[in-house]
PDB file of N, CA and C in Angstrom:
ATOM      1  N   MET A   1      17.570 -14.986   6.116  1.00  0.00           N
ATOM      2  CA  MET A   1      16.408 -15.790   6.414  1.00  0.00           C
ATOM      3  C   MET A   1      15.146 -15.051   5.980  1.00  0.00           C
ATOM      4  N   GLN A   2      14.149 -15.814   5.548  1.00  0.00           N
ATOM      5  CA  GLN A   2      12.924 -15.232   5.042  1.00  0.00           C
ATOM      6  C   GLN A   2      11.730 -15.956   5.671  1.00  0.00           C
ATOM      7  N   VAL A   3      10.791 -15.191   6.208  1.00  0.00           N
ATOM      8  CA  VAL A   3       9.573 -15.757   6.786  1.00  0.00           C
ATOM      9  C   VAL A   3       8.411 -15.339   5.892  1.00  0.00           C
ATOM     10  N   ILE A   4       7.559 -16.291   5.526  1.00  0.00           N
ATOM     11  CA  ILE A   4       6.419 -16.012   4.649  1.00  0.00           C
ATOM     12  C   ILE A   4       5.136 -16.128   5.465  1.00  0.00           C
ATOM     13  N   GLN A   5       4.286 -15.117   5.319  1.00  0.00           N
ATOM     14  CA  GLN A   5       3.020 -15.041   6.041  1.00  0.00           C
ATOM     15  C   GLN A   5       1.879 -14.998   5.029  1.00  0.00           C
ATOM     16  N   ALA A   6       0.822 -15.766   5.247  1.00  0.00           N
ATOM     17  CA  ALA A   6      -0.374 -15.704   4.396  1.00  0.00           C
ATOM     18  C   ALA A   6      -1.295 -14.638   4.971  1.00  0.00           C
ATOM     19  N   ILE A   7      -1.653 -13.658   4.141  1.00  0.00           N
ATOM     20  CA  ILE A   7      -2.499 -12.545   4.575  1.00  0.00           C
ATOM     21  C   ILE A   7      -3.566 -12.279   3.521  1.00  0.00           C
ATOM     22  N   ARG A   8      -4.413 -11.318   3.777  1.00  0.00           N
ATOM     23  CA  ARG A   8      -5.363 -10.807   2.783  1.00  0.00           C
ATOM     24  C   ARG A   8      -4.769  -9.546   2.182  1.00  0.00           C
ATOM     25  N   CYS A   9      -4.937  -9.385   0.886  1.00  0.00           N
ATOM     26  CA  CYS A   9      -4.407  -8.219   0.184  1.00  0.00           C
ATOM     27  C   CYS A   9      -5.105  -6.953   0.685  1.00  0.00           C
ATOM     28  N   PRO A  10      -4.335  -5.918   1.043  1.00  0.00           N
ATOM     29  CA  PRO A  10      -4.951  -4.664   1.477  1.00  0.00           C
ATOM     30  C   PRO A  10      -5.642  -3.918   0.343  1.00  0.00           C
ATOM     31  N   ASN A  11      -5.373  -4.304  -0.895  1.00  0.00           N
ATOM     32  CA  ASN A  11      -5.958  -3.642  -2.060  1.00  0.00           C
ATOM     33  C   ASN A  11      -7.282  -4.292  -2.479  1.00  0.00           C
ATOM     34  N   CYS A  12      -7.291  -5.626  -2.630  1.00  0.00           N
ATOM     35  CA  CYS A  12      -8.486  -6.290  -3.174  1.00  0.00           C
ATOM     36  C   CYS A  12      -9.103  -7.318  -2.228  1.00  0.00           C
ATOM     37  N   GLY A  13      -8.401  -7.713  -1.170  1.00  0.00           N
ATOM     38  CA  GLY A  13      -8.935  -8.674  -0.213  1.00  0.00           C
ATOM     39  C   GLY A  13      -8.674 -10.132  -0.549  1.00  0.00           C
ATOM     40  N   SER A  14      -8.030 -10.398  -1.669  1.00  0.00           N
ATOM     41  CA  SER A  14      -7.697 -11.773  -2.057  1.00  0.00           C
ATOM     42  C   SER A  14      -6.544 -12.297  -1.199  1.00  0.00           C
ATOM     43  N   PRO A  15      -6.346 -13.609  -1.173  1.00  0.00           N
ATOM     44  CA  PRO A  15      -5.181 -14.153  -0.466  1.00  0.00           C
ATOM     45  C   PRO A  15      -3.884 -13.588  -1.063  1.00  0.00           C
ATOM     46  N   ALA A  16      -2.965 -13.194  -0.198  1.00  0.00           N
ATOM     47  CA  ALA A  16      -1.687 -12.609  -0.620  1.00  0.00           C
ATOM     48  C   ALA A  16      -0.582 -13.139   0.287  1.00  0.00           C
ATOM     49  N   GLU A  17       0.636 -12.713   0.027  1.00  0.00           N
ATOM     50  CA  GLU A  17       1.779 -13.160   0.824  1.00  0.00           C
ATOM     51  C   GLU A  17       2.562 -11.963   1.332  1.00  0.00           C
ATOM     52  N   ARG A  18       3.070 -12.109   2.551  1.00  0.00           N
ATOM     53  CA  ARG A  18       3.965 -11.099   3.114  1.00  0.00           C
ATOM     54  C   ARG A  18       5.270 -11.799   3.470  1.00  0.00           C
ATOM     55  N   PHE A  19       6.352 -11.292   2.910  1.00  0.00           N
ATOM     56  CA  PHE A  19       7.682 -11.853   3.137  1.00  0.00           C
ATOM     57  C   PHE A  19       8.449 -10.939   4.087  1.00  0.00           C
ATOM     58  N   HIS A  20       8.954 -11.501   5.178  1.00  0.00           N
ATOM     59  CA  HIS A  20       9.812 -10.754   6.103  1.00  0.00           C
ATOM     60  C   HIS A  20      11.242 -11.190   5.808  1.00  0.00           C
ATOM     61  N   ILE A  21      12.022 -10.306   5.207  1.00  0.00           N
ATOM     62  CA  ILE A  21      13.384 -10.618   4.778  1.00  0.00           C
ATOM     63  C   ILE A  21      14.333 -10.035   5.826  1.00  0.00           C
ATOM     64  N   HIS A  22      14.859 -10.901   6.694  1.00  0.00           N
ATOM     65  CA  HIS A  22      15.590 -10.451   7.869  1.00  0.00           C
ATOM     66  C   HIS A  22      16.959  -9.829   7.609  1.00  0.00           C
ATOM     67  N   PRO A  23      17.827 -10.387   6.779  1.00  0.00           N
ATOM     68  CA  PRO A  23      19.145  -9.753   6.638  1.00  0.00           C
ATOM     69  C   PRO A  23      19.065  -8.316   6.110  1.00  0.00           C
ATOM     70  N   ASP A  24      18.104  -8.062   5.228  1.00  0.00           N
ATOM     71  CA  ASP A  24      17.977  -6.730   4.629  1.00  0.00           C
ATOM     72  C   ASP A  24      16.985  -5.840   5.370  1.00  0.00           C
ATOM     73  N   GLN A  25      16.306  -6.383   6.395  1.00  0.00           N
ATOM     74  CA  GLN A  25      15.302  -5.660   7.171  1.00  0.00           C
ATOM     75  C   GLN A  25      14.199  -5.103   6.269  1.00  0.00           C
ATOM     76  N   LEU A  26      13.679  -5.948   5.385  1.00  0.00           N
ATOM     77  CA  LEU A  26      12.621  -5.546   4.463  1.00  0.00           C
ATOM     78  C   LEU A  26      11.378  -6.392   4.682  1.00  0.00           C
ATOM     79  N   THR A  27      10.229  -5.810   4.363  1.00  0.00           N
ATOM     80  CA  THR A  27       8.965  -6.532   4.336  1.00  0.00           C
ATOM     81  C   THR A  27       8.354  -6.318   2.957  1.00  0.00           C
ATOM     82  N   ARG A  28       8.057  -7.418   2.256  1.00  0.00           N
ATOM     83  CA  ARG A  28       7.470  -7.337   0.925  1.00  0.00           C
ATOM     84  C   ARG A  28       6.094  -7.979   0.955  1.00  0.00           C
ATOM     85  N   THR A  29       5.074  -7.207   0.611  1.00  0.00           N
ATOM     86  CA  THR A  29       3.703  -7.701   0.530  1.00  0.00           C
ATOM     87  C   THR A  29       3.310  -7.718  -0.938  1.00  0.00           C
ATOM     88  N   GLN A  30       2.796  -8.863  -1.401  1.00  0.00           N
ATOM     89  CA  GLN A  30       2.431  -8.951  -2.812  1.00  0.00           C
ATOM     90  C   GLN A  30       1.188  -9.801  -2.995  1.00  0.00           C
ATOM     91  N   CYS A  31       0.416  -9.429  -4.024  1.00  0.00           N
ATOM     92  CA  CYS A  31      -0.816 -10.130  -4.374  1.00  0.00           C
ATOM     93  C   CYS A  31      -0.760 -10.486  -5.852  1.00  0.00           C
ATOM     94  N   GLY A  32      -0.934 -11.761  -6.157  1.00  0.00           N
ATOM     95  CA  GLY A  32      -0.932 -12.206  -7.542  1.00  0.00           C
ATOM     96  C   GLY A  32      -2.240 -11.926  -8.256  1.00  0.00           C
ATOM     97  N   GLU A  33      -3.291 -11.676  -7.504  1.00  0.00           N
ATOM     98  CA  GLU A  33      -4.609 -11.441  -8.091  1.00  0.00           C
ATOM     99  C   GLU A  33      -4.730 -10.039  -8.687  1.00  0.00           C
ATOM    100  N   CYS A  34      -4.315  -9.005  -7.946  1.00  0.00           N
ATOM    101  CA  CYS A  34      -4.477  -7.623  -8.429  1.00  0.00           C
ATOM    102  C   CYS A  34      -3.145  -6.932  -8.721  1.00  0.00           C
ATOM    103  N   ASP A  35      -2.026  -7.651  -8.556  1.00  0.00           N
ATOM    104  CA  ASP A  35      -0.692  -7.125  -8.860  1.00  0.00           C
ATOM    105  C   ASP A  35      -0.223  -6.072  -7.864  1.00  0.00           C
ATOM    106  N   TYR A  36      -0.731  -6.103  -6.628  1.00  0.00           N
ATOM    107  CA  TYR A  36      -0.319  -5.185  -5.567  1.00  0.00           C
ATOM    108  C   TYR A  36       1.093  -5.545  -5.096  1.00  0.00           C
ATOM    109  N   LEU A  37       1.904  -4.537  -4.833  1.00  0.00           N
ATOM    110  CA  LEU A  37       3.250  -4.737  -4.294  1.00  0.00           C
ATOM    111  C   LEU A  37       3.591  -3.588  -3.360  1.00  0.00           C
ATOM    112  N   MET A  38       4.097  -3.921  -2.179  1.00  0.00           N
ATOM    113  CA  MET A  38       4.558  -2.899  -1.235  1.00  0.00           C
ATOM    114  C   MET A  38       5.806  -3.448  -0.546  1.00  0.00           C
ATOM    115  N   ILE A  39       6.915  -2.725  -0.674  1.00  0.00           N
ATOM    116  CA  ILE A  39       8.155  -3.097  -0.005  1.00  0.00           C
ATOM    117  C   ILE A  39       8.479  -1.987   0.975  1.00  0.00           C
ATOM    118  N   THR A  40       8.626  -2.352   2.243  1.00  0.00           N
ATOM    119  CA  THR A  40       8.917  -1.373   3.283  1.00  0.00           C
ATOM    120  C   THR A  40      10.142  -1.806   4.086  1.00  0.00           C
ATOM    121  N   CYS A  41      10.762  -0.841   4.738  1.00  0.00           N
ATOM    122  CA  CYS A  41      11.853  -1.115   5.657  1.00  0.00           C
ATOM    123  C   CYS A  41      11.232  -1.559   6.979  1.00  0.00           C
ATOM    124  N   SER A  42      11.612  -2.719   7.477  1.00  0.00           N
ATOM    125  CA  SER A  42      11.051  -3.240   8.722  1.00  0.00           C
ATOM    126  C   SER A  42      11.458  -2.396   9.926  1.00  0.00           C
ATOM    127  N   LYS A  43      12.591  -1.771   9.837  1.00  0.00           N
ATOM    128  CA  LYS A  43      13.111  -1.000  10.970  1.00  0.00           C
ATOM    129  C   LYS A  43      12.444   0.379  11.066  1.00  0.00           C
ATOM    130  N   THR A  44      12.341   1.084   9.949  1.00  0.00           N
ATOM    131  CA  THR A  44      11.828   2.462   9.974  1.00  0.00           C
ATOM    132  C   THR A  44      10.379   2.581   9.526  1.00  0.00           C
ATOM    133  N   GLY A  45       9.876   1.580   8.790  1.00  0.00           N
ATOM    134  CA  GLY A  45       8.518   1.635   8.264  1.00  0.00           C
ATOM    135  C   GLY A  45       8.391   2.438   6.981  1.00  0.00           C
ATOM    136  N   LYS A  46       9.494   2.961   6.469  1.00  0.00           N
ATOM    137  CA  LYS A  46       9.461   3.758   5.239  1.00  0.00           C
ATOM    138  C   LYS A  46       9.211   2.866   4.022  1.00  0.00           C
ATOM    139  N   VAL A  47       8.435   3.404   3.074  1.00  0.00           N
ATOM    140  CA  VAL A  47       8.127   2.677   1.847  1.00  0.00           C
ATOM    141  C   VAL A  47       9.315   2.779   0.889  1.00  0.00           C
ATOM    142  N   ILE A  48       9.782   1.635   0.422  1.00  0.00           N
ATOM    143  CA  ILE A  48      10.889   1.585  -0.528  1.00  0.00           C
ATOM    144  C   ILE A  48      10.337   1.575  -1.950  1.00  0.00           C
ATOM    145  N   GLU A  49       9.326   0.726  -2.172  1.00  0.00           N
ATOM    146  CA  GLU A  49       8.704   0.617  -3.494  1.00  0.00           C
ATOM    147  C   GLU A  49       7.245   0.233  -3.304  1.00  0.00           C
ATOM    148  N   ALA A  50       6.381   0.788  -4.150  1.00  0.00           N
ATOM    149  CA  ALA A  50       4.954   0.464  -4.052  1.00  0.00           C
ATOM    150  C   ALA A  50       4.321   0.498  -5.436  1.00  0.00           C
ATOM    151  N   TYR A  51       3.401  -0.432  -5.642  1.00  0.00           N
ATOM    152  CA  TYR A  51       2.628  -0.459  -6.876  1.00  0.00           C
ATOM    153  C   TYR A  51       1.266  -1.051  -6.533  1.00  0.00           C
ATOM    154  N   ALA A  52       0.235  -0.278  -6.750  1.00  0.00           N
ATOM    155  CA  ALA A  52      -1.109  -0.740  -6.446  1.00  0.00           C
ATOM    156  C   ALA A  52      -2.074  -0.229  -7.511  1.00  0.00           C
ATOM    157  N   PRO A  53      -2.336  -1.029  -8.522  1.00  0.00           N
ATOM    158  CA  PRO A  53      -3.283  -0.608  -9.543  1.00  0.00           C
ATOM    159  C   PRO A  53      -4.663  -0.411  -8.922  1.00  0.00           C
ATOM    160  N   GLY A  54      -5.304   0.661  -9.300  1.00  0.00           N
ATOM    161  CA  GLY A  54      -6.624   0.950  -8.778  1.00  0.00           C
ATOM    162  C   GLY A  54      -6.628   1.844  -7.555  1.00  0.00           C
ATOM    163  N   ILE A  55      -5.478   2.108  -6.962  1.00  0.00           N
ATOM    164  CA  ILE A  55      -5.383   3.047  -5.831  1.00  0.00           C
ATOM    165  C   ILE A  55      -4.672   4.280  -6.350  1.00  0.00           C
ATOM    166  N   TYR A  56      -5.329   5.408  -6.243  1.00  0.00           N
ATOM    167  CA  TYR A  56      -4.772   6.640  -6.781  1.00  0.00           C
ATOM    168  C   TYR A  56      -4.316   7.569  -5.650  1.00  0.00           C
ATOM    169  N   ALA A  57      -3.177   8.178  -5.840  1.00  0.00           N
ATOM    170  CA  ALA A  57      -2.655   9.126  -4.853  1.00  0.00           C
ATOM    171  C   ALA A  57      -3.444  10.419  -4.898  1.00  0.00           C
ATOM    172  N   ARG A  58      -3.600  11.058  -3.752  1.00  0.00           N
ATOM    173  CA  ARG A  58      -4.261  12.359  -3.705  1.00  0.00           C
ATOM    174  C   ARG A  58      -3.357  13.408  -4.313  1.00  0.00           C
ATOM    175  N   ARG A  59      -3.972  14.401  -4.903  1.00  0.00           N
ATOM    176  CA  ARG A  59      -3.184  15.480  -5.510  1.00  0.00           C
ATOM    177  C   ARG A  59      -3.123  16.664  -4.599  1.00  0.00           C
TER     178      ARG A  59
END
């Protein structure tokens, strides 16, 4: 089962979607405007995959 939530993108603030994928215990947040993507484990909160153009990791 999959639940879809309308949210604001944490990267650019545009309308985005958050998918709660229950059998796999995943949460996928994506924005079509800035190409943001974040997939996390719903149970542990660990990041599985992330892509956010314009956000740079600290060195």
